[in-house]
Amino acid sequence: MAGLISVTGASANVSLWGAALIGAIGSLIYSYTKKLIERYEIDDPLDNSEIHGFCGIWSIIAVGIFDID
């Protein structure tokens, strides 16, 4: 799910390898932010902030990095 959210913003303007890399980095971002949220004992049972918040921010950054147009 994290990879999907990460690549959705750039899906029309990236190549196949770029989309795969964006999704992989989004998965890593999710893993590390999940640990961070648990460390600070922030209650987020559905992981919305990790998936939609942090991976969404990565999606915005990834559009600028991997855009092919």
C-alpha atoms as a PDB file:
ATOM      1  CA  MET A   1       0.000   0.000   0.000  1.00  0.00           C
ATOM      2  CA  ALA A   2       2.851   2.384   0.803  1.00  0.00           C
ATOM      3  CA  GLY A   3       4.445   1.814  -2.589  1.00  0.00           C
ATOM      4  CA  LEU A   4       1.120   2.404  -4.321  1.00  0.00           C
ATOM      5  CA  ILE A   5       0.555   5.700  -2.519  1.00  0.00           C
ATOM      6  CA  SER A   6       4.125   6.755  -3.321  1.00  0.00           C
ATOM      7  CA  VAL A   7       3.876   6.180  -7.055  1.00  0.00           C
ATOM      8  CA  THR A   8       0.318   7.439  -7.606  1.00  0.00           C
ATOM      9  CA  GLY A   9       1.260  11.114  -7.880  1.00  0.00           C
ATOM     10  CA  ALA A  10       3.873  10.466 -10.549  1.00  0.00           C
ATOM     11  CA  SER A  11       2.322   7.534 -12.403  1.00  0.00           C
ATOM     12  CA  ALA A  12       1.701   9.353 -15.680  1.00  0.00           C
ATOM     13  CA  ASN A  13       5.160  10.890 -15.969  1.00  0.00           C
ATOM     14  CA  VAL A  14       7.681   8.251 -14.873  1.00  0.00           C
ATOM     15  CA  SER A  15       9.261   5.273 -16.566  1.00  0.00           C
ATOM     16  CA  LEU A  16       8.818   1.710 -15.392  1.00  0.00           C
ATOM     17  CA  TRP A  17      12.127   1.566 -13.525  1.00  0.00           C
ATOM     18  CA  GLY A  18      11.379   4.946 -11.926  1.00  0.00           C
ATOM     19  CA  ALA A  19       7.998   3.719 -10.693  1.00  0.00           C
ATOM     20  CA  ALA A  20       9.588   0.602  -9.215  1.00  0.00           C
ATOM     21  CA  LEU A  21      12.235   2.679  -7.454  1.00  0.00           C
ATOM     22  CA  ILE A  22       9.654   5.137  -6.119  1.00  0.00           C
ATOM     23  CA  GLY A  23       7.591   2.252  -4.721  1.00  0.00           C
ATOM     24  CA  ALA A  24      10.627   0.618  -3.118  1.00  0.00           C
ATOM     25  CA  ILE A  25      11.707   3.854  -1.466  1.00  0.00           C
ATOM     26  CA  GLY A  26       8.112   4.419  -0.329  1.00  0.00           C
ATOM     27  CA  SER A  27       8.145   1.018   1.355  1.00  0.00           C
ATOM     28  CA  LEU A  28      11.359   1.896   3.177  1.00  0.00           C
ATOM     29  CA  ILE A  29       9.888   5.231   4.255  1.00  0.00           C
ATOM     30  CA  TYR A  30       6.848   3.419   5.619  1.00  0.00           C
ATOM     31  CA  SER A  31       9.003   0.964   7.587  1.00  0.00           C
ATOM     32  CA  TYR A  32      11.126   3.644   9.217  1.00  0.00           C
ATOM     33  CA  THR A  33       8.274   6.019   9.991  1.00  0.00           C
ATOM     34  CA  LYS A  34       6.271   3.128  11.487  1.00  0.00           C
ATOM     35  CA  LYS A  35       9.120   2.546  13.947  1.00  0.00           C
ATOM     36  CA  LEU A  36       9.335   6.276  14.642  1.00  0.00           C
ATOM     37  CA  ILE A  37       5.606   6.588  15.374  1.00  0.00           C
ATOM     38  CA  GLU A  38       5.749   3.575  17.698  1.00  0.00           C
ATOM     39  CA  ARG A  39       8.837   4.933  19.469  1.00  0.00           C
ATOM     40  CA  TYR A  40       7.087   8.181  20.355  1.00  0.00           C
ATOM     41  CA  GLU A  41       3.928   6.251  21.303  1.00  0.00           C
ATOM     42  CA  ILE A  42       1.651   8.129  18.916  1.00  0.00           C
ATOM     43  CA  ASP A  43      -1.668   6.334  18.551  1.00  0.00           C
ATOM     44  CA  ASP A  44      -2.314   5.594  14.879  1.00  0.00           C
ATOM     45  CA  PRO A  45      -3.927   2.151  14.622  1.00  0.00           C
ATOM     46  CA  LEU A  46      -4.648   2.367  10.868  1.00  0.00           C
ATOM     47  CA  ASP A  47      -1.190   3.702   9.887  1.00  0.00           C
ATOM     48  CA  ASN A  48      -2.708   6.657   8.052  1.00  0.00           C
ATOM     49  CA  SER A  49       0.045   9.099   8.924  1.00  0.00           C
ATOM     50  CA  GLU A  50       2.773   6.724   7.777  1.00  0.00           C
ATOM     51  CA  ILE A  51       1.112   5.673   4.532  1.00  0.00           C
ATOM     52  CA  HIS A  52      -0.754   8.771   3.396  1.00  0.00           C
ATOM     53  CA  GLY A  53       1.310  11.409   5.181  1.00  0.00           C
ATOM     54  CA  PHE A  54       4.952  10.469   4.819  1.00  0.00           C
ATOM     55  CA  CYS A  55       4.612   8.424   1.626  1.00  0.00           C
ATOM     56  CA  GLY A  56       2.472  11.188   0.140  1.00  0.00           C
ATOM     57  CA  ILE A  57       5.220  13.697   0.848  1.00  0.00           C
ATOM     58  CA  TRP A  58       7.698  11.334  -0.822  1.00  0.00           C
ATOM     59  CA  SER A  59       5.334  11.129  -3.802  1.00  0.00           C
ATOM     60  CA  ILE A  60       5.455  14.894  -4.246  1.00  0.00           C
ATOM     61  CA  ILE A  61       9.256  14.900  -4.078  1.00  0.00           C
ATOM     62  CA  ALA A  62       9.509  11.905  -6.434  1.00  0.00           C
ATOM     63  CA  VAL A  63       7.559  13.707  -9.165  1.00  0.00           C
ATOM     64  CA  GLY A  64      10.316  16.300  -9.356  1.00  0.00           C
ATOM     65  CA  ILE A  65      13.121  13.754  -9.321  1.00  0.00           C
ATOM     66  CA  PHE A  66      11.810  11.069 -11.697  1.00  0.00           C
ATOM     67  CA  ASP A  67       9.698  13.099 -14.150  1.00  0.00           C
ATOM     68  CA  ILE A  68      10.505  12.224 -17.781  1.00  0.00           C
ATOM     69  CA  ASP A  69       8.725  15.151 -19.477  1.00  0.00           C
END
